[in-house]
Protein backbone atom coordinates (compact mmCIF):
# COMPACT_ATOMS: atom_id res chain seq x y z
CA MET A 1 -49.71 -28.70 -115.43
CA ASP A 2 -52.90 -30.60 -116.20
CA ASP A 3 -56.07 -29.24 -117.78
CA PRO A 4 -58.02 -28.26 -114.62
CA GLU A 5 -55.07 -26.26 -113.29
CA ARG A 6 -54.65 -24.59 -116.66
CA GLY A 7 -58.34 -23.67 -116.68
CA VAL A 8 -58.15 -22.20 -113.20
CA LEU A 9 -55.04 -20.24 -114.21
CA LYS A 10 -56.91 -18.76 -117.19
CA LEU A 11 -59.83 -17.87 -114.90
CA VAL A 12 -57.52 -16.11 -112.43
CA ARG A 13 -55.84 -14.18 -115.24
CA ILE A 14 -59.19 -13.13 -116.73
CA ILE A 15 -60.40 -11.88 -113.35
CA ALA A 16 -57.11 -10.03 -112.80
CA VAL A 17 -57.36 -8.32 -116.19
CA ALA A 18 -60.97 -7.36 -115.39
CA PHE A 19 -59.85 -5.75 -112.12
CA LEU A 20 -57.05 -3.97 -113.96
CA GLY A 21 -59.41 -2.68 -116.62
CA ALA A 22 -61.96 -1.50 -114.06
CA GLY A 23 -59.29 0.44 -112.18
CA VAL A 24 -58.00 2.10 -115.32
CA VAL A 25 -61.53 3.04 -116.40
CA ASN A 26 -62.26 4.50 -112.94
CA VAL A 27 -59.15 6.69 -113.02
CA VAL A 28 -59.70 7.85 -116.61
CA LEU A 29 -63.35 8.73 -115.95
CA TYR A 30 -62.39 10.68 -112.83
CA ILE A 31 -59.75 12.66 -114.70
CA LEU A 32 -62.16 13.34 -117.56
CA GLU A 33 -64.81 14.48 -115.08
CA CYS A 34 -62.36 16.86 -113.43
CA SER A 35 -61.33 18.37 -116.75
CA ALA A 36 -64.88 18.80 -118.09
CA PRO A 37 -65.56 22.36 -119.23
CA ALA A 38 -68.76 22.55 -117.19
CA HIS A 39 -66.99 22.32 -113.83
CA ARG A 40 -63.22 22.40 -113.82
CA VAL A 41 -61.71 21.21 -110.56
CA PRO A 42 -58.14 20.18 -109.81
CA VAL A 43 -57.38 16.48 -109.84
CA ASN A 44 -57.06 15.19 -106.28
CA PRO A 45 -54.15 12.69 -106.06
CA LEU A 46 -55.72 11.00 -103.04
CA TRP A 47 -58.91 10.36 -105.00
CA VAL A 48 -56.89 8.99 -107.93
CA ALA A 49 -55.14 6.62 -105.51
CA LEU A 50 -58.48 5.47 -104.12
CA GLU A 51 -59.91 4.97 -107.59
CA SER A 52 -56.90 2.90 -108.67
CA TRP A 53 -57.28 0.15 -106.03
CA PRO A 54 -58.90 -2.30 -108.47
CA ALA A 55 -55.95 -1.81 -110.84
CA ILE A 56 -53.49 -2.50 -108.02
CA ILE A 57 -55.40 -5.64 -107.06
CA GLY A 58 -55.37 -6.73 -110.72
CA ILE A 59 -51.61 -6.26 -111.00
CA ILE A 60 -51.03 -8.25 -107.81
CA CYS A 61 -53.30 -11.04 -109.06
CA LEU A 62 -51.46 -11.14 -112.39
CA VAL A 63 -48.09 -11.36 -110.68
CA LYS A 64 -49.27 -14.05 -108.23
CA SER A 65 -51.60 -15.86 -110.67
CA LYS A 66 -49.82 -19.22 -110.51
CA PRO A 67 -49.92 -19.57 -106.68
CA ILE A 68 -53.53 -18.34 -106.60
CA ALA A 69 -54.49 -20.84 -109.32
CA SER A 70 -52.83 -23.74 -107.52
CA TRP A 71 -54.52 -22.74 -104.26
CA LEU A 72 -57.92 -22.58 -105.96
CA SER A 73 -57.32 -25.88 -107.72
CA ASP A 74 -56.44 -27.55 -104.42
CA LEU A 75 -59.46 -25.94 -102.78
CA LEU A 76 -61.84 -27.15 -105.49
CA ASP A 77 -60.47 -30.72 -105.50
CA LEU A 78 -61.63 -31.37 -101.95
């Protein structure tokens, strides 16, 4: 693996970790909002699933980071 492919792989992994972090933050903030003493409401599992989509995308990107990086490297070589 040469340097440009390695750089693209790092970029893909950084973006995947950012998606993962954003999804986790969304879910945690929703759960904290539901358990706030000012307005207690039950946690809606459907809403948690909707809020966790960025985390799911991040996990998929981390698992498939090598094929995504090679595709992007081929796309940028033109």
